[in-house]
C-alpha atoms as a PDB file:
ATOM      1  CA  MET A   1       0.000   0.000   0.000  1.00  0.00           C
ATOM      2  CA  PHE A   2       2.791   2.416   0.973  1.00  0.00           C
ATOM      3  CA  LYS A   3       4.753   1.607  -2.171  1.00  0.00           C
ATOM      4  CA  THR A   4       1.671   2.199  -4.305  1.00  0.00           C
ATOM      5  CA  LEU A   5       1.142   5.644  -2.785  1.00  0.00           C
ATOM      6  CA  LEU A   6       4.794   6.583  -2.764  1.00  0.00           C
ATOM      7  CA  LYS A   7       5.733   5.751  -6.345  1.00  0.00           C
ATOM      8  CA  PRO A   8       3.451   8.322  -8.031  1.00  0.00           C
ATOM      9  CA  LEU A   9       4.831  11.031  -5.745  1.00  0.00           C
ATOM     10  CA  LEU A  10       8.405  10.078  -6.506  1.00  0.00           C
ATOM     11  CA  MET A  11       7.666   9.981 -10.232  1.00  0.00           C
ATOM     12  CA  LEU A  12       6.151  13.456  -9.986  1.00  0.00           C
ATOM     13  CA  LEU A  13       9.247  14.797  -8.244  1.00  0.00           C
ATOM     14  CA  VAL A  14      11.544  13.504 -10.954  1.00  0.00           C
ATOM     15  CA  LEU A  15       9.143  14.259 -13.788  1.00  0.00           C
ATOM     16  CA  VAL A  16       8.879  18.022 -13.268  1.00  0.00           C
ATOM     17  CA  PRO A  17      12.637  18.722 -13.633  1.00  0.00           C
ATOM     18  CA  GLY A  18      12.749  16.277 -16.514  1.00  0.00           C
ATOM     19  CA  LEU A  19      10.191  18.314 -18.510  1.00  0.00           C
ATOM     20  CA  ALA A  20      12.670  21.133 -18.877  1.00  0.00           C
ATOM     21  CA  LEU A  21      15.340  18.821 -20.286  1.00  0.00           C
ATOM     22  CA  ALA A  22      13.438  16.529 -22.622  1.00  0.00           C
ATOM     23  CA  SER A  23      10.868  17.266 -25.260  1.00  0.00           C
ATOM     24  CA  ASP A  24       9.971  13.644 -26.019  1.00  0.00           C
ATOM     25  CA  PRO A  25       7.183  12.421 -23.616  1.00  0.00           C
ATOM     26  CA  GLY A  26       8.403   8.840 -23.982  1.00  0.00           C
ATOM     27  CA  THR A  27      11.887   9.801 -22.952  1.00  0.00           C
ATOM     28  CA  VAL A  28      10.570  11.740 -19.960  1.00  0.00           C
ATOM     29  CA  ALA A  29       8.438   8.811 -18.819  1.00  0.00           C
ATOM     30  CA  ALA A  30      11.262   6.311 -19.155  1.00  0.00           C
ATOM     31  CA  GLN A  31      13.688   8.594 -17.379  1.00  0.00           C
ATOM     32  CA  SER A  32      11.303   9.389 -14.516  1.00  0.00           C
ATOM     33  CA  GLY A  33      10.361   5.739 -14.122  1.00  0.00           C
ATOM     34  CA  ASN A  34      14.003   4.690 -13.827  1.00  0.00           C
ATOM     35  CA  GLU A  35      14.775   7.449 -11.336  1.00  0.00           C
ATOM     36  CA  ALA A  36      11.721   6.528  -9.254  1.00  0.00           C
ATOM     37  CA  GLU A  37      12.952   2.940  -9.082  1.00  0.00           C
ATOM     38  CA  VAL A  38      16.370   4.178  -7.992  1.00  0.00           C
ATOM     39  CA  VAL A  39      14.835   6.314  -5.238  1.00  0.00           C
ATOM     40  CA  TRP A  40      12.591   3.474  -4.072  1.00  0.00           C
ATOM     41  CA  GLN A  41      15.579   1.105  -3.972  1.00  0.00           C
ATOM     42  CA  ALA A  42      17.462   3.639  -1.864  1.00  0.00           C
ATOM     43  CA  ILE A  43      14.542   3.848   0.555  1.00  0.00           C
ATOM     44  CA  GLN A  44      14.469   0.072   0.882  1.00  0.00           C
ATOM     45  CA  GLN A  45      18.173   0.110   1.670  1.00  0.00           C
ATOM     46  CA  GLY A  46      17.634   2.578   4.526  1.00  0.00           C
ATOM     47  CA  ALA A  47      18.207   5.987   2.935  1.00  0.00           C
ATOM     48  CA  GLU A  48      17.403   8.732   5.445  1.00  0.00           C
ATOM     49  CA  GLY A  49      15.641  12.043   4.992  1.00  0.00           C
ATOM     50  CA  ARG A  50      14.873  15.171   6.999  1.00  0.00           C
ATOM     51  CA  THR A  51      11.820  15.905   9.087  1.00  0.00           C
ATOM     52  CA  VAL A  52      10.720  18.043  12.033  1.00  0.00           C
ATOM     53  CA  SER A  53       9.614  14.871  13.861  1.00  0.00           C
ATOM     54  CA  GLU A  54      11.471  13.961  17.043  1.00  0.00           C
ATOM     55  CA  SER A  55      10.513  10.286  16.853  1.00  0.00           C
ATOM     56  CA  GLU A  56      13.232   7.670  17.286  1.00  0.00           C
ATOM     57  CA  PHE A  57      12.638   6.636  13.661  1.00  0.00           C
ATOM     58  CA  HIS A  58      12.133  10.133  12.223  1.00  0.00           C
ATOM     59  CA  ALA A  59      14.883   9.737   9.612  1.00  0.00           C
ATOM     60  CA  GLN A  60      13.387   6.551   8.142  1.00  0.00           C
ATOM     61  CA  LEU A  61      10.952   7.474   5.371  1.00  0.00           C
ATOM     62  CA  ILE A  62       9.203   4.138   5.239  1.00  0.00           C
ATOM     63  CA  ASN A  63       9.716   0.700   6.743  1.00  0.00           C
ATOM     64  CA  PRO A  64      10.324  -1.740   3.845  1.00  0.00           C
ATOM     65  CA  GLN A  65       9.161  -4.613   6.067  1.00  0.00           C
ATOM     66  CA  ASP A  66       5.614  -3.243   5.770  1.00  0.00           C
ATOM     67  CA  GLU A  67       5.516  -4.541   2.210  1.00  0.00           C
ATOM     68  CA  ARG A  68       6.126  -8.100   3.425  1.00  0.00           C
ATOM     69  CA  LEU A  69       4.077  -8.302   6.610  1.00  0.00           C
ATOM     70  CA  LEU A  70       0.968  -6.258   5.898  1.00  0.00           C
ATOM     71  CA  PRO A  71      -0.148  -8.408   2.933  1.00  0.00           C
ATOM     72  CA  PHE A  72       0.316 -11.448   5.195  1.00  0.00           C
ATOM     73  CA  ARG A  73      -2.084  -9.829   7.645  1.00  0.00           C
ATOM     74  CA  SER A  74      -4.755  -9.126   5.047  1.00  0.00           C
ATOM     75  CA  ASP A  75      -4.342 -12.243   2.880  1.00  0.00           C
ATOM     76  CA  ILE A  76      -3.644 -14.917   5.515  1.00  0.00           C
ATOM     77  CA  LEU A  77      -4.558 -13.763   9.002  1.00  0.00           C
ATOM     78  CA  ALA A  78      -7.877 -12.098   8.182  1.00  0.00           C
ATOM     79  CA  PRO A  79      -9.348 -15.173   6.428  1.00  0.00           C
ATOM     80  CA  GLY A  80      -7.797 -17.353   9.143  1.00  0.00           C
ATOM     81  CA  MET A  81      -9.594 -15.468  11.891  1.00  0.00           C
ATOM     82  CA  ALA A  82     -12.936 -15.712  10.090  1.00  0.00           C
ATOM     83  CA  LEU A  83     -12.400 -19.402   9.461  1.00  0.00           C
ATOM     84  CA  ALA A  84     -11.420 -20.063  13.092  1.00  0.00           C
ATOM     85  CA  LEU A  85     -14.714 -18.620  14.300  1.00  0.00           C
ATOM     86  CA  PHE A  86     -17.296 -19.469  11.668  1.00  0.00           C
ATOM     87  CA  GLY A  87     -15.549 -22.604  10.411  1.00  0.00           C
ATOM     88  CA  MET A  88     -15.400 -24.191  13.866  1.00  0.00           C
ATOM     89  CA  ILE A  89     -19.031 -23.270  14.538  1.00  0.00           C
ATOM     90  CA  ALA A  90     -20.049 -24.954  11.272  1.00  0.00           C
ATOM     91  CA  VAL A  91     -17.978 -28.061  12.074  1.00  0.00           C
ATOM     92  CA  PHE A  92     -19.519 -28.457  15.513  1.00  0.00           C
ATOM     93  CA  ALA A  93     -23.034 -27.782  14.264  1.00  0.00           C
ATOM     94  CA  ALA A  94     -22.584 -30.528  11.644  1.00  0.00           C
ATOM     95  CA  PHE A  95     -21.072 -32.887  14.211  1.00  0.00           C
ATOM     96  CA  ILE A  96     -23.932 -32.439  16.658  1.00  0.00           C
ATOM     97  CA  ALA A  97     -26.477 -32.847  13.854  1.00  0.00           C
ATOM     98  CA  VAL A  98     -24.946 -36.241  13.001  1.00  0.00           C
ATOM     99  CA  ASN A  99     -23.765 -37.465  16.399  1.00  0.00           C
ATOM    100  CA  GLY A 100     -26.071 -35.772  18.873  1.00  0.00           C
ATOM    101  CA  ILE A 101     -24.945 -34.658  22.327  1.00  0.00           C
ATOM    102  CA  SER A 102     -23.387 -36.682  25.118  1.00  0.00           C
ATOM    103  CA  LYS A 103     -26.234 -37.493  27.498  1.00  0.00           C
ATOM    104  CA  LEU A 104     -25.985 -38.768  31.049  1.00  0.00           C
ATOM    105  CA  HIS A 105     -26.601 -42.490  30.727  1.00  0.00           C
ATOM    106  CA  HIS A 106     -28.180 -42.715  34.161  1.00  0.00           C
ATOM    107  CA  GLY A 107     -29.910 -39.342  33.997  1.00  0.00           C
ATOM    108  CA  PHE A 108     -29.583 -36.575  36.553  1.00  0.00           C
ATOM    109  CA  SER A 109     -29.200 -37.804  40.119  1.00  0.00           C
ATOM    110  CA  GLY A 110     -30.422 -34.624  41.735  1.00  0.00           C
ATOM    111  CA  LYS A 111     -27.349 -34.594  43.988  1.00  0.00           C
ATOM    112  CA  MET A 112     -24.993 -31.717  43.294  1.00  0.00           C
ATOM    113  CA  VAL A 113     -21.286 -32.245  44.013  1.00  0.00           C
ATOM    114  CA  TYR A 114     -18.960 -29.362  44.904  1.00  0.00           C
ATOM    115  CA  ARG A 115     -16.428 -28.804  42.097  1.00  0.00           C
ATOM    116  CA  TRP A 116     -15.464 -25.124  41.811  1.00  0.00           C
ATOM    117  CA  SER A 117     -15.205 -22.424  44.469  1.00  0.00           C
ATOM    118  CA  LYS A 118     -16.953 -19.074  44.061  1.00  0.00           C
ATOM    119  CA  ALA A 119     -13.549 -17.528  43.424  1.00  0.00           C
ATOM    120  CA  ASP A 120     -12.889 -20.047  40.627  1.00  0.00           C
ATOM    121  CA  VAL A 121     -16.242 -19.283  39.016  1.00  0.00           C
ATOM    122  CA  ALA A 122     -15.530 -15.536  39.221  1.00  0.00           C
ATOM    123  CA  ILE A 123     -12.044 -15.981  37.726  1.00  0.00           C
ATOM    124  CA  HIS A 124     -13.483 -18.062  34.889  1.00  0.00           C
ATOM    125  CA  TRP A 125     -15.965 -15.359  33.898  1.00  0.00           C
ATOM    126  CA  LEU A 126     -13.375 -12.623  34.421  1.00  0.00           C
ATOM    127  CA  GLY A 127     -11.391 -14.215  31.609  1.00  0.00           C
ATOM    128  CA  ALA A 128     -14.250 -15.676  29.548  1.00  0.00           C
ATOM    129  CA  ILE A 129     -16.404 -12.577  29.002  1.00  0.00           C
ATOM    130  CA  PRO A 130     -13.517 -10.327  27.877  1.00  0.00           C
ATOM    131  CA  CYS A 131     -12.207 -13.201  25.744  1.00  0.00           C
ATOM    132  CA  LEU A 132     -15.498 -13.404  23.846  1.00  0.00           C
ATOM    133  CA  LEU A 133     -15.591  -9.639  23.354  1.00  0.00           C
ATOM    134  CA  LEU A 134     -11.978  -9.631  22.201  1.00  0.00           C
ATOM    135  CA  ILE A 135     -12.730 -12.361  19.672  1.00  0.00           C
ATOM    136  CA  LEU A 136     -15.691 -10.457  18.211  1.00  0.00           C
ATOM    137  CA  THR A 137     -14.000  -7.055  18.174  1.00  0.00           C
ATOM    138  CA  GLY A 138     -10.740  -8.565  16.944  1.00  0.00           C
ATOM    139  CA  LEU A 139     -12.630 -10.240  14.125  1.00  0.00           C
ATOM    140  CA  THR A 140     -14.128  -6.869  13.176  1.00  0.00           C
ATOM    141  CA  LEU A 141     -10.782  -5.087  13.208  1.00  0.00           C
ATOM    142  CA  LEU A 142      -8.790  -7.833  11.501  1.00  0.00           C
ATOM    143  CA  ALA A 143     -11.274  -9.281   9.013  1.00  0.00           C
ATOM    144  CA  GLY A 144     -14.003  -6.639   8.821  1.00  0.00           C
ATOM    145  CA  ARG A 145     -13.084  -5.591   5.290  1.00  0.00           C
ATOM    146  CA  LEU A 146     -13.388  -9.224   4.262  1.00  0.00           C
ATOM    147  CA  ILE A 147     -16.625 -10.306   5.987  1.00  0.00           C
ATOM    148  CA  ILE A 148     -18.470  -7.097   6.911  1.00  0.00           C
ATOM    149  CA  GLU A 149     -17.805  -4.320   4.414  1.00  0.00           C
ATOM    150  CA  PRO A 150     -18.795  -6.296   1.270  1.00  0.00           C
ATOM    151  CA  TYR A 151     -22.215  -7.082   2.763  1.00  0.00           C
ATOM    152  CA  LEU A 152     -23.101  -4.130   5.016  1.00  0.00           C
ATOM    153  CA  GLY A 153     -21.199  -1.389   3.236  1.00  0.00           C
ATOM    154  CA  GLN A 154     -18.288   0.858   4.073  1.00  0.00           C
ATOM    155  CA  GLN A 155     -20.202   3.154   6.431  1.00  0.00           C
ATOM    156  CA  ALA A 156     -21.570   0.298   8.540  1.00  0.00           C
ATOM    157  CA  PHE A 157     -18.136  -1.290   8.747  1.00  0.00           C
ATOM    158  CA  ALA A 158     -16.535   2.025   9.724  1.00  0.00           C
ATOM    159  CA  THR A 159     -19.075   2.463  12.518  1.00  0.00           C
ATOM    160  CA  MET A 160     -18.558  -1.084  13.792  1.00  0.00           C
ATOM    161  CA  ALA A 161     -14.776  -0.685  13.687  1.00  0.00           C
ATOM    162  CA  ALA A 162     -14.971   2.616  15.566  1.00  0.00           C
ATOM    163  CA  ILE A 163     -16.884   0.839  18.350  1.00  0.00           C
ATOM    164  CA  ALA A 164     -14.769  -2.304  18.254  1.00  0.00           C
ATOM    165  CA  LYS A 165     -11.438  -0.505  18.715  1.00  0.00           C
ATOM    166  CA  PRO A 166     -12.021   0.995  22.208  1.00  0.00           C
ATOM    167  CA  VAL A 167     -13.881  -2.111  23.385  1.00  0.00           C
ATOM    168  CA  HIS A 168     -10.955  -4.264  22.260  1.00  0.00           C
ATOM    169  CA  ASP A 169      -8.480  -2.005  24.051  1.00  0.00           C
ATOM    170  CA  TYR A 170     -10.411  -1.819  27.334  1.00  0.00           C
ATOM    171  CA  MET A 171     -11.208  -5.544  27.467  1.00  0.00           C
ATOM    172  CA  ALA A 172      -7.522  -6.385  27.178  1.00  0.00           C
ATOM    173  CA  ILE A 173      -6.860  -5.592  30.843  1.00  0.00           C
ATOM    174  CA  PRO A 174      -9.483  -7.878  32.471  1.00  0.00           C
ATOM    175  CA  PHE A 175      -8.618 -10.603  29.956  1.00  0.00           C
ATOM    176  CA  MET A 176      -4.938 -10.514  30.933  1.00  0.00           C
ATOM    177  CA  LEU A 177      -5.868 -10.558  34.620  1.00  0.00           C
ATOM    178  CA  GLY A 178      -8.217 -13.513  34.129  1.00  0.00           C
ATOM    179  CA  TRP A 179      -5.617 -15.337  32.037  1.00  0.00           C
ATOM    180  CA  LEU A 180      -2.961 -14.859  34.716  1.00  0.00           C
ATOM    181  CA  LEU A 181      -5.185 -16.007  37.601  1.00  0.00           C
ATOM    182  CA  MET A 182      -6.478 -19.057  35.719  1.00  0.00           C
ATOM    183  CA  THR A 183      -3.008 -20.094  34.597  1.00  0.00           C
ATOM    184  CA  VAL A 184      -1.481 -19.835  38.061  1.00  0.00           C
ATOM    185  CA  LYS A 185      -4.408 -21.185  40.076  1.00  0.00           C
ATOM    186  CA  TRP A 186      -5.518 -24.077  37.870  1.00  0.00           C
ATOM    187  CA  ALA A 187      -2.240 -25.425  36.500  1.00  0.00           C
ATOM    188  CA  LYS A 188      -1.919 -28.050  39.226  1.00  0.00           C
ATOM    189  CA  ASN A 189      -5.052 -29.854  37.957  1.00  0.00           C
ATOM    190  CA  GLN A 190      -3.914 -29.791  34.326  1.00  0.00           C
ATOM    191  CA  LEU A 191      -0.834 -32.007  34.485  1.00  0.00           C
ATOM    192  CA  PRO A 192      -0.728 -34.994  32.082  1.00  0.00           C
ATOM    193  CA  ALA A 193      -1.716 -38.415  33.401  1.00  0.00           C
ATOM    194  CA  LYS A 194      -1.165 -41.904  32.010  1.00  0.00           C
ATOM    195  CA  TYR A 195      -4.853 -42.379  31.204  1.00  0.00           C
ATOM    196  CA  ASP A 196      -5.047 -39.227  29.060  1.00  0.00           C
ATOM    197  CA  LEU A 197      -3.953 -41.102  25.935  1.00  0.00           C
ATOM    198  CA  ASP A 198      -6.831 -43.578  26.355  1.00  0.00           C
ATOM    199  CA  TRP A 199      -9.188 -40.592  26.549  1.00  0.00           C
ATOM    200  CA  PHE A 200      -8.068 -39.447  23.117  1.00  0.00           C
ATOM    201  CA  LEU A 201      -8.246 -42.946  21.649  1.00  0.00           C
ATOM    202  CA  VAL A 202     -11.993 -43.093  22.315  1.00  0.00           C
ATOM    203  CA  VAL A 203     -12.551 -39.361  21.615  1.00  0.00           C
ATOM    204  CA  GLY A 204     -13.500 -38.746  25.225  1.00  0.00           C
ATOM    205  CA  GLY A 205     -16.530 -41.015  24.995  1.00  0.00           C
ATOM    206  CA  TYR A 206     -18.528 -38.362  23.145  1.00  0.00           C
ATOM    207  CA  ILE A 207     -19.103 -40.428  19.977  1.00  0.00           C
ATOM    208  CA  ASN A 208     -22.553 -42.027  19.893  1.00  0.00           C
ATOM    209  CA  PHE A 209     -21.964 -44.587  17.138  1.00  0.00           C
ATOM    210  CA  GLY A 210     -19.590 -47.334  16.017  1.00  0.00           C
ATOM    211  CA  PRO A 211     -16.893 -48.809  18.281  1.00  0.00           C
ATOM    212  CA  PHE A 212     -16.728 -45.612  20.328  1.00  0.00           C
ATOM    213  CA  LYS A 213     -20.329 -45.725  21.494  1.00  0.00           C
ATOM    214  CA  GLY A 214     -20.760 -46.120  25.244  1.00  0.00           C
ATOM    215  CA  LYS A 215     -17.073 -45.689  26.041  1.00  0.00           C
ATOM    216  CA  HIS A 216     -16.268 -43.827  29.247  1.00  0.00           C
ATOM    217  CA  PRO A 217     -12.522 -43.201  29.522  1.00  0.00           C
ATOM    218  CA  ASP A 218     -10.906 -42.352  32.819  1.00  0.00           C
ATOM    219  CA  ALA A 219     -10.456 -38.686  33.670  1.00  0.00           C
ATOM    220  CA  GLY A 220      -9.284 -36.783  36.708  1.00  0.00           C
ATOM    221  CA  PHE A 221     -10.416 -33.311  37.722  1.00  0.00           C
ATOM    222  CA  ALA A 222      -9.703 -32.272  34.130  1.00  0.00           C
ATOM    223  CA  ASN A 223      -9.962 -34.644  31.198  1.00  0.00           C
ATOM    224  CA  ALA A 224      -7.347 -34.820  28.448  1.00  0.00           C
ATOM    225  CA  GLY A 225      -9.251 -32.473  26.139  1.00  0.00           C
ATOM    226  CA  GLU A 226      -9.587 -29.856  28.867  1.00  0.00           C
ATOM    227  CA  LYS A 227      -5.849 -30.105  29.546  1.00  0.00           C
ATOM    228  CA  VAL A 228      -5.031 -29.431  25.891  1.00  0.00           C
ATOM    229  CA  TRP A 229      -7.366 -26.431  25.951  1.00  0.00           C
ATOM    230  CA  PHE A 230      -5.837 -25.134  29.189  1.00  0.00           C
ATOM    231  CA  TRP A 231      -2.218 -25.279  28.033  1.00  0.00           C
ATOM    232  CA  THR A 232      -3.128 -23.857  24.625  1.00  0.00           C
ATOM    233  CA  PHE A 233      -4.875 -20.962  26.361  1.00  0.00           C
ATOM    234  CA  ALA A 234      -1.983 -20.535  28.804  1.00  0.00           C
ATOM    235  CA  LEU A 235       0.704 -20.474  26.085  1.00  0.00           C
ATOM    236  CA  PHE A 236      -0.982 -18.472  23.360  1.00  0.00           C
ATOM    237  CA  GLY A 237      -2.737 -16.300  25.929  1.00  0.00           C
ATOM    238  CA  ALA A 238       0.746 -15.301  27.100  1.00  0.00           C
ATOM    239  CA  VAL A 239       1.714 -14.348  23.542  1.00  0.00           C
ATOM    240  CA  ILE A 240      -1.513 -12.363  23.180  1.00  0.00           C
ATOM    241  CA  ALA A 241      -0.888 -10.597  26.495  1.00  0.00           C
ATOM    242  CA  VAL A 242       2.739  -9.669  25.769  1.00  0.00           C
ATOM    243  CA  THR A 243       2.117  -8.514  22.212  1.00  0.00           C
ATOM    244  CA  GLY A 244      -1.036  -6.742  23.357  1.00  0.00           C
ATOM    245  CA  VAL A 245       0.982  -4.668  25.827  1.00  0.00           C
ATOM    246  CA  ILE A 246       3.442  -3.749  23.069  1.00  0.00           C
ATOM    247  CA  LEU A 247       0.635  -2.629  20.767  1.00  0.00           C
ATOM    248  CA  LEU A 248      -1.471  -0.977  23.472  1.00  0.00           C
ATOM    249  CA  PHE A 249       1.266   0.956  25.265  1.00  0.00           C
ATOM    250  CA  PRO A 250       3.935   1.855  22.675  1.00  0.00           C
ATOM    251  CA  GLU A 251       4.777   5.061  24.555  1.00  0.00           C
ATOM    252  CA  TYR A 252       6.017   2.997  27.501  1.00  0.00           C
ATOM    253  CA  VAL A 253       7.429  -0.039  25.715  1.00  0.00           C
ATOM    254  CA  GLU A 254       8.939   2.019  22.867  1.00  0.00           C
ATOM    255  CA  PRO A 255       9.153  -0.861  20.375  1.00  0.00           C
ATOM    256  CA  SER A 256      10.980  -0.596  17.077  1.00  0.00           C
ATOM    257  CA  ARG A 257       8.863  -0.477  13.942  1.00  0.00           C
ATOM    258  CA  ASN A 258       9.815  -4.043  13.066  1.00  0.00           C
ATOM    259  CA  LEU A 259       8.961  -5.231  16.588  1.00  0.00           C
ATOM    260  CA  SER A 260       5.559  -3.531  16.348  1.00  0.00           C
ATOM    261  CA  LEU A 261       4.837  -5.328  13.075  1.00  0.00           C
ATOM    262  CA  LEU A 262       6.037  -8.638  14.494  1.00  0.00           C
ATOM    263  CA  ALA A 263       3.852  -8.117  17.566  1.00  0.00           C
ATOM    264  CA  LEU A 264       0.867  -7.487  15.313  1.00  0.00           C
ATOM    265  CA  ILE A 265       1.459 -10.727  13.392  1.00  0.00           C
ATOM    266  CA  LEU A 266       2.040 -12.829  16.527  1.00  0.00           C
ATOM    267  CA  HIS A 267      -0.965 -11.253  18.252  1.00  0.00           C
ATOM    268  CA  ALA A 268      -3.312 -12.100  15.393  1.00  0.00           C
ATOM    269  CA  SER A 269      -1.849 -15.587  14.846  1.00  0.00           C
ATOM    270  CA  SER A 270      -2.248 -16.499  18.520  1.00  0.00           C
ATOM    271  CA  ALA A 271      -5.757 -15.037  18.547  1.00  0.00           C
ATOM    272  CA  ILE A 272      -6.727 -17.334  15.663  1.00  0.00           C
ATOM    273  CA  ILE A 273      -5.580 -20.385  17.623  1.00  0.00           C
ATOM    274  CA  VAL A 274      -7.284 -19.303  20.844  1.00  0.00           C
ATOM    275  CA  THR A 275     -10.479 -18.519  18.917  1.00  0.00           C
ATOM    276  CA  ALA A 276     -10.641 -21.983  17.375  1.00  0.00           C
ATOM    277  CA  PHE A 277     -10.046 -23.685  20.725  1.00  0.00           C
ATOM    278  CA  SER A 278     -12.526 -21.355  22.437  1.00  0.00           C
ATOM    279  CA  ILE A 279     -15.291 -22.453  20.089  1.00  0.00           C
ATOM    280  CA  VAL A 280     -14.530 -26.090  20.919  1.00  0.00           C
ATOM    281  CA  HIS A 281     -14.523 -25.307  24.639  1.00  0.00           C
ATOM    282  CA  ILE A 282     -17.791 -23.383  24.481  1.00  0.00           C
ATOM    283  CA  PHE A 283     -19.583 -26.084  22.495  1.00  0.00           C
ATOM    284  CA  MET A 284     -18.332 -28.838  24.791  1.00  0.00           C
ATOM    285  CA  ALA A 285     -19.443 -26.988  27.916  1.00  0.00           C
ATOM    286  CA  THR A 286     -22.779 -25.603  26.782  1.00  0.00           C
ATOM    287  CA  VAL A 287     -24.123 -28.013  24.170  1.00  0.00           C
ATOM    288  CA  MET A 288     -22.156 -31.219  23.833  1.00  0.00           C
ATOM    289  CA  SER A 289     -21.979 -32.337  27.465  1.00  0.00           C
ATOM    290  CA  GLU A 290     -25.353 -32.621  29.163  1.00  0.00           C
ATOM    291  CA  GLY A 291     -25.084 -30.978  32.573  1.00  0.00           C
ATOM    292  CA  GLY A 292     -21.654 -29.500  31.918  1.00  0.00           C
ATOM    293  CA  MET A 293     -22.585 -25.819  31.963  1.00  0.00           C
ATOM    294  CA  GLU A 294     -23.827 -26.012  35.544  1.00  0.00           C
ATOM    295  CA  CYS A 295     -20.231 -26.327  36.741  1.00  0.00           C
ATOM    296  CA  MET A 296     -19.367 -22.746  35.846  1.00  0.00           C
ATOM    297  CA  VAL A 297     -22.730 -21.316  36.883  1.00  0.00           C
ATOM    298  CA  SER A 298     -23.027 -22.596  40.442  1.00  0.00           C
ATOM    299  CA  GLY A 299     -19.697 -24.353  40.970  1.00  0.00           C
ATOM    300  CA  TYR A 300     -21.492 -27.681  41.452  1.00  0.00           C
ATOM    301  CA  CYS A 301     -22.019 -30.621  39.108  1.00  0.00           C
ATOM    302  CA  ASP A 302     -24.515 -33.456  39.119  1.00  0.00           C
ATOM    303  CA  GLU A 303     -23.123 -36.570  40.779  1.00  0.00           C
ATOM    304  CA  ASN A 304     -23.848 -38.742  37.734  1.00  0.00           C
ATOM    305  CA  TRP A 305     -22.055 -36.209  35.545  1.00  0.00           C
ATOM    306  CA  ALA A 306     -19.009 -36.448  37.807  1.00  0.00           C
ATOM    307  CA  LYS A 307     -19.046 -40.248  37.692  1.00  0.00           C
ATOM    308  CA  GLN A 308     -19.418 -40.363  33.905  1.00  0.00           C
ATOM    309  CA  HIS A 309     -16.981 -37.647  32.851  1.00  0.00           C
ATOM    310  CA  HIS A 310     -14.479 -37.365  35.735  1.00  0.00           C
ATOM    311  CA  ASN A 311     -14.579 -40.723  37.485  1.00  0.00           C
ATOM    312  CA  VAL A 312     -10.995 -40.666  38.785  1.00  0.00           C
ATOM    313  CA  TRP A 313     -11.563 -37.319  40.463  1.00  0.00           C
ATOM    314  CA  TYR A 314     -14.911 -38.439  41.894  1.00  0.00           C
ATOM    315  CA  ASP A 315     -13.392 -41.612  43.335  1.00  0.00           C
ATOM    316  CA  GLU A 316     -10.543 -39.608  44.875  1.00  0.00           C
ATOM    317  CA  ILE A 317     -12.737 -37.078  46.692  1.00  0.00           C
ATOM    318  CA  LYS A 318     -15.060 -39.863  47.826  1.00  0.00           C
ATOM    319  CA  ALA A 319     -12.147 -41.875  49.192  1.00  0.00           C
ATOM    320  CA  ASP A 320     -10.434 -39.003  51.012  1.00  0.00           C
ATOM    321  CA  GLY A 321     -13.656 -37.632  52.491  1.00  0.00           C
ATOM    322  CA  SER A 322     -13.598 -34.282  50.646  1.00  0.00           C
ATOM    323  CA  LEU A 323     -16.802 -35.077  48.696  1.00  0.00           C
ATOM    324  CA  LYS A 324     -19.309 -32.315  49.486  1.00  0.00           C
ATOM    325  CA  TYR A 325     -22.913 -31.979  48.374  1.00  0.00           C
ATOM    326  CA  ARG A 326     -24.905 -28.786  47.969  1.00  0.00           C
ATOM    327  CA  ASP A 327     -27.383 -28.330  50.805  1.00  0.00           C
END
């Protein structure tokens, strides 16, 4: 984009003096074109200019890395973000239409087992609500020209982007706080166990047909799928947080122009991964697993749900006497 805008200006600068020296328009055009290429090559090689700016990079006319990274953002990351959200929703909708949900084989027991503290529930929503808003506003800012502007028009997209930008910025802080608290507080329950591989081999027992039907693999407080989600969120959430600080507070971090561009690419790439996993997590908790959503509403789960989906954990708290029921 910058090269496209800059070339005509450079050609104009070399064309005007050339008019006084050449009477043949073809000669003038060829000469100005060659000189413009020479100037552009000099810029790419770091030629400096003069300006009244006091910025650290005031002498650099244009960052040649923009030409390499910005198209990657628009051509790869923007479609990737849209696909991560809408593609995963479509996949899960099709899966549920074919497979159905995972029902409790013995129905609801009516006995509610303590699973999460009130603090845990609060921490979950502290991270979850901003995460959802960041996904939606990030989608608007990153892929809006691809999925919004062609259908709603430029004015509607501009309005949505103007709203999305401050919401995205303000939601970054509670998201980072929620991410930090969840990562530190919950990591101890997310360590790999020997039975996790068996969980994957039978797809968690969520398949309702074929050789997988009726399988109930062992799982501790967190099953193998939840552990993958947790560590994905912990790792790429860290990348999102660090790059978000660089992009949100450049006056304090003072990044170089290349670091800012790299932060933008890493931020969007990590957001795509977290978005895809978030859709899986949301579907599993709210739709796929009967009785699963109650855990993060009240902190309690039905006893039959605990036995079916987290039997190792249920047996442990029953054996050590820490099993508690809701009054």
